[in-house]
Amino acid sequence: MDNCPKCSAPMKMVPAGISKKTGKPYAAFRSCSVMGCNGKPDVPTVQVGDNTALLEEIKTICLRINAKLPSKTALAPDEDVPF
């Protein structure tokens, strides 16, 4: 687990939930474990619905792996990747 960039305390994972203030759902996020610090991670967390870049990265990795497999094992170019 990483540390808070503001106070160096361990970060905590806050699970996804519903805001008591607005009643709207929110995605899980990381926050400083020290009450009142409000430190946030240096690296932004992926928000719900923002997975296009992640899927593209997965496809790229799959293609690299596919290139190293024997031709009988590899996916055909016209096969759809199941994600």
N, C-alpha and C. Protein backbone atom coordinates (compact mmCIF):
# COMPACT_ATOMS: atom_id res chain seq x y z
N MET A 1 0.85 -1.18 0.00
CA MET A 1 0.00 0.00 0.00
C MET A 1 0.89 1.24 0.00
N ASP A 2 0.47 2.27 -0.66
CA ASP A 2 1.26 3.49 -0.75
C ASP A 2 0.99 4.44 0.41
N ASN A 3 1.78 5.48 0.48
CA ASN A 3 1.64 6.46 1.56
C ASN A 3 1.11 7.78 1.02
N CYS A 4 0.51 8.55 1.90
CA CYS A 4 -0.05 9.85 1.56
C CYS A 4 1.07 10.81 1.14
N PRO A 5 0.92 11.49 0.01
CA PRO A 5 1.95 12.43 -0.42
C PRO A 5 1.98 13.68 0.45
N LYS A 6 0.94 13.92 1.22
CA LYS A 6 0.85 15.12 2.05
C LYS A 6 1.46 14.90 3.44
N CYS A 7 1.13 13.74 4.09
CA CYS A 7 1.60 13.53 5.47
C CYS A 7 2.37 12.22 5.67
N SER A 8 2.52 11.41 4.62
CA SER A 8 3.26 10.14 4.62
C SER A 8 2.58 9.01 5.40
N ALA A 9 1.36 9.20 5.86
CA ALA A 9 0.62 8.12 6.52
C ALA A 9 0.13 7.13 5.46
N PRO A 10 -0.18 5.89 5.85
CA PRO A 10 -0.69 4.93 4.87
C PRO A 10 -2.02 5.38 4.26
N MET A 11 -2.19 5.08 2.99
CA MET A 11 -3.45 5.38 2.32
C MET A 11 -4.44 4.28 2.64
N LYS A 12 -5.73 4.58 2.57
CA LYS A 12 -6.78 3.58 2.77
C LYS A 12 -7.66 3.54 1.53
N MET A 13 -8.33 2.40 1.32
CA MET A 13 -9.24 2.24 0.21
C MET A 13 -10.65 2.46 0.73
N VAL A 14 -11.36 3.41 0.16
CA VAL A 14 -12.75 3.68 0.53
C VAL A 14 -13.61 2.96 -0.52
N PRO A 15 -14.45 2.00 -0.08
CA PRO A 15 -15.23 1.25 -1.06
C PRO A 15 -16.31 2.10 -1.74
N ALA A 16 -16.72 1.69 -2.91
CA ALA A 16 -17.79 2.37 -3.63
C ALA A 16 -19.04 2.38 -2.76
N GLY A 17 -19.86 3.38 -2.94
CA GLY A 17 -21.07 3.48 -2.13
C GLY A 17 -22.00 4.55 -2.64
N ILE A 18 -22.89 4.98 -1.75
CA ILE A 18 -23.85 6.02 -2.09
C ILE A 18 -23.63 7.18 -1.12
N SER A 19 -23.51 8.38 -1.67
CA SER A 19 -23.26 9.56 -0.86
C SER A 19 -24.44 9.84 0.07
N LYS A 20 -24.13 10.06 1.34
CA LYS A 20 -25.17 10.41 2.31
C LYS A 20 -25.69 11.82 2.02
N LYS A 21 -24.81 12.67 1.49
CA LYS A 21 -25.17 14.07 1.23
C LYS A 21 -26.03 14.24 -0.02
N THR A 22 -25.63 13.57 -1.12
CA THR A 22 -26.33 13.78 -2.40
C THR A 22 -27.23 12.61 -2.79
N GLY A 23 -26.98 11.43 -2.20
CA GLY A 23 -27.76 10.25 -2.57
C GLY A 23 -27.29 9.61 -3.87
N LYS A 24 -26.20 10.13 -4.43
CA LYS A 24 -25.68 9.60 -5.70
C LYS A 24 -24.59 8.57 -5.44
N PRO A 25 -24.48 7.56 -6.33
CA PRO A 25 -23.41 6.57 -6.17
C PRO A 25 -22.05 7.16 -6.51
N TYR A 26 -21.00 6.63 -5.86
CA TYR A 26 -19.64 7.05 -6.17
C TYR A 26 -18.75 5.82 -6.27
N ALA A 27 -17.68 5.95 -7.04
CA ALA A 27 -16.73 4.86 -7.25
C ALA A 27 -15.81 4.75 -6.03
N ALA A 28 -15.21 3.59 -5.87
CA ALA A 28 -14.21 3.40 -4.80
C ALA A 28 -13.03 4.34 -5.07
N PHE A 29 -12.37 4.76 -4.00
CA PHE A 29 -11.23 5.64 -4.16
C PHE A 29 -10.26 5.46 -2.99
N ARG A 30 -9.03 5.94 -3.18
CA ARG A 30 -8.03 5.90 -2.11
C ARG A 30 -7.95 7.27 -1.46
N SER A 31 -7.70 7.26 -0.15
CA SER A 31 -7.62 8.49 0.62
C SER A 31 -6.65 8.29 1.78
N CYS A 32 -6.18 9.38 2.35
CA CYS A 32 -5.29 9.30 3.50
C CYS A 32 -6.05 8.72 4.69
N SER A 33 -5.36 7.91 5.48
CA SER A 33 -5.99 7.28 6.64
C SER A 33 -6.06 8.21 7.86
N VAL A 34 -5.39 9.37 7.78
CA VAL A 34 -5.41 10.32 8.89
C VAL A 34 -6.60 11.27 8.73
N MET A 35 -7.49 11.26 9.72
CA MET A 35 -8.68 12.10 9.65
C MET A 35 -8.28 13.58 9.57
N GLY A 36 -8.86 14.27 8.60
CA GLY A 36 -8.59 15.69 8.42
C GLY A 36 -7.47 16.01 7.45
N CYS A 37 -6.66 15.04 7.09
CA CYS A 37 -5.53 15.30 6.18
C CYS A 37 -6.04 15.58 4.76
N ASN A 38 -6.98 14.78 4.29
CA ASN A 38 -7.53 14.91 2.93
C ASN A 38 -6.49 14.71 1.84
N GLY A 39 -5.40 14.01 2.14
CA GLY A 39 -4.40 13.70 1.12
C GLY A 39 -4.97 12.74 0.10
N LYS A 40 -4.57 12.92 -1.14
CA LYS A 40 -5.04 12.07 -2.25
C LYS A 40 -3.83 11.44 -2.92
N PRO A 41 -4.03 10.29 -3.58
CA PRO A 41 -2.90 9.63 -4.24
C PRO A 41 -2.36 10.46 -5.39
N ASP A 42 -1.05 10.29 -5.67
CA ASP A 42 -0.43 10.98 -6.79
C ASP A 42 -0.99 10.49 -8.13
N VAL A 43 -1.28 9.20 -8.19
CA VAL A 43 -1.79 8.58 -9.41
C VAL A 43 -3.31 8.54 -9.33
N PRO A 44 -4.01 9.10 -10.30
CA PRO A 44 -5.47 9.09 -10.24
C PRO A 44 -6.01 7.67 -10.37
N THR A 45 -7.11 7.41 -9.69
CA THR A 45 -7.76 6.11 -9.79
C THR A 45 -8.69 6.12 -10.99
N VAL A 46 -8.94 4.97 -11.58
CA VAL A 46 -9.83 4.85 -12.73
C VAL A 46 -11.26 4.97 -12.23
N GLN A 47 -12.02 5.84 -12.83
CA GLN A 47 -13.41 6.04 -12.45
C GLN A 47 -14.31 5.03 -13.17
N VAL A 48 -15.45 4.76 -12.58
CA VAL A 48 -16.43 3.85 -13.19
C VAL A 48 -16.79 4.38 -14.57
N GLY A 49 -16.78 3.52 -15.56
CA GLY A 49 -17.13 3.91 -16.91
C GLY A 49 -15.95 4.43 -17.73
N ASP A 50 -14.83 4.68 -17.09
CA ASP A 50 -13.67 5.21 -17.79
C ASP A 50 -12.68 4.06 -18.04
N ASN A 51 -13.11 3.07 -18.84
CA ASN A 51 -12.26 1.90 -19.04
C ASN A 51 -11.81 1.72 -20.48
N THR A 52 -12.02 2.71 -21.33
CA THR A 52 -11.62 2.59 -22.73
C THR A 52 -10.12 2.41 -22.87
N ALA A 53 -9.34 3.21 -22.16
CA ALA A 53 -7.88 3.11 -22.25
C ALA A 53 -7.40 1.77 -21.71
N LEU A 54 -8.03 1.31 -20.64
CA LEU A 54 -7.66 0.01 -20.07
C LEU A 54 -7.95 -1.12 -21.05
N LEU A 55 -9.10 -1.09 -21.70
CA LEU A 55 -9.43 -2.12 -22.68
C LEU A 55 -8.46 -2.10 -23.86
N GLU A 56 -8.09 -0.91 -24.31
CA GLU A 56 -7.12 -0.81 -25.41
C GLU A 56 -5.77 -1.39 -25.00
N GLU A 57 -5.36 -1.14 -23.76
CA GLU A 57 -4.10 -1.69 -23.26
C GLU A 57 -4.17 -3.21 -23.19
N ILE A 58 -5.30 -3.75 -22.75
CA ILE A 58 -5.48 -5.20 -22.68
C ILE A 58 -5.42 -5.80 -24.08
N LYS A 59 -6.07 -5.16 -25.04
CA LYS A 59 -6.04 -5.66 -26.43
C LYS A 59 -4.61 -5.66 -26.97
N THR A 60 -3.86 -4.59 -26.69
CA THR A 60 -2.47 -4.50 -27.14
C THR A 60 -1.63 -5.62 -26.55
N ILE A 61 -1.80 -5.87 -25.26
CA ILE A 61 -1.06 -6.95 -24.60
C ILE A 61 -1.43 -8.29 -25.20
N CYS A 62 -2.74 -8.50 -25.44
CA CYS A 62 -3.19 -9.76 -26.04
C CYS A 62 -2.57 -9.96 -27.42
N LEU A 63 -2.50 -8.90 -28.21
CA LEU A 63 -1.90 -9.00 -29.55
C LEU A 63 -0.42 -9.34 -29.46
N ARG A 64 0.29 -8.77 -28.48
CA ARG A 64 1.71 -9.09 -28.30
C ARG A 64 1.90 -10.55 -27.92
N ILE A 65 1.04 -11.03 -27.02
CA ILE A 65 1.11 -12.44 -26.61
C ILE A 65 0.76 -13.33 -27.79
N ASN A 66 -0.28 -12.94 -28.50
CA ASN A 66 -0.76 -13.70 -29.66
C ASN A 66 0.36 -13.87 -30.69
N ALA A 67 1.17 -12.85 -30.89
CA ALA A 67 2.25 -12.88 -31.87
C ALA A 67 3.31 -13.91 -31.50
N LYS A 68 3.41 -14.24 -30.22
CA LYS A 68 4.43 -15.20 -29.77
C LYS A 68 3.91 -16.63 -29.71
N LEU A 69 2.60 -16.82 -29.89
CA LEU A 69 2.01 -18.17 -29.82
C LEU A 69 2.14 -18.88 -31.17
N PRO A 70 2.15 -20.22 -31.14
CA PRO A 70 2.12 -20.95 -32.41
C PRO A 70 0.85 -20.61 -33.18
N SER A 71 0.89 -20.64 -34.50
CA SER A 71 -0.24 -20.20 -35.32
C SER A 71 -1.53 -20.97 -35.03
N LYS A 72 -1.45 -22.25 -34.64
CA LYS A 72 -2.66 -23.03 -34.34
C LYS A 72 -3.35 -22.54 -33.06
N THR A 73 -2.61 -21.94 -32.16
CA THR A 73 -3.15 -21.47 -30.89
C THR A 73 -3.66 -20.04 -30.97
N ALA A 74 -3.07 -19.24 -31.84
CA ALA A 74 -3.40 -17.82 -31.92
C ALA A 74 -4.81 -17.59 -32.44
N LEU A 75 -5.39 -16.47 -32.06
CA LEU A 75 -6.70 -16.09 -32.57
C LEU A 75 -6.58 -15.68 -34.03
N ALA A 76 -7.60 -16.00 -34.81
CA ALA A 76 -7.63 -15.55 -36.19
C ALA A 76 -7.85 -14.04 -36.19
N PRO A 77 -7.31 -13.32 -37.18
CA PRO A 77 -7.44 -11.85 -37.21
C PRO A 77 -8.88 -11.35 -37.16
N ASP A 78 -9.82 -12.15 -37.68
CA ASP A 78 -11.21 -11.69 -37.70
C ASP A 78 -12.00 -12.10 -36.46
N GLU A 79 -11.38 -12.85 -35.54
CA GLU A 79 -12.07 -13.23 -34.32
C GLU A 79 -12.20 -12.03 -33.41
N ASP A 80 -13.37 -11.93 -32.79
CA ASP A 80 -13.60 -10.82 -31.86
C ASP A 80 -13.02 -11.19 -30.50
N VAL A 81 -12.35 -10.23 -29.87
CA VAL A 81 -11.81 -10.44 -28.53
C VAL A 81 -13.01 -10.33 -27.58
N PRO A 82 -13.17 -11.33 -26.68
CA PRO A 82 -14.39 -11.38 -25.84
C PRO A 82 -14.38 -10.40 -24.66
N PHE A 83 -14.19 -9.12 -24.94
CA PHE A 83 -14.35 -8.10 -23.89
C PHE A 83 -14.61 -6.75 -24.47
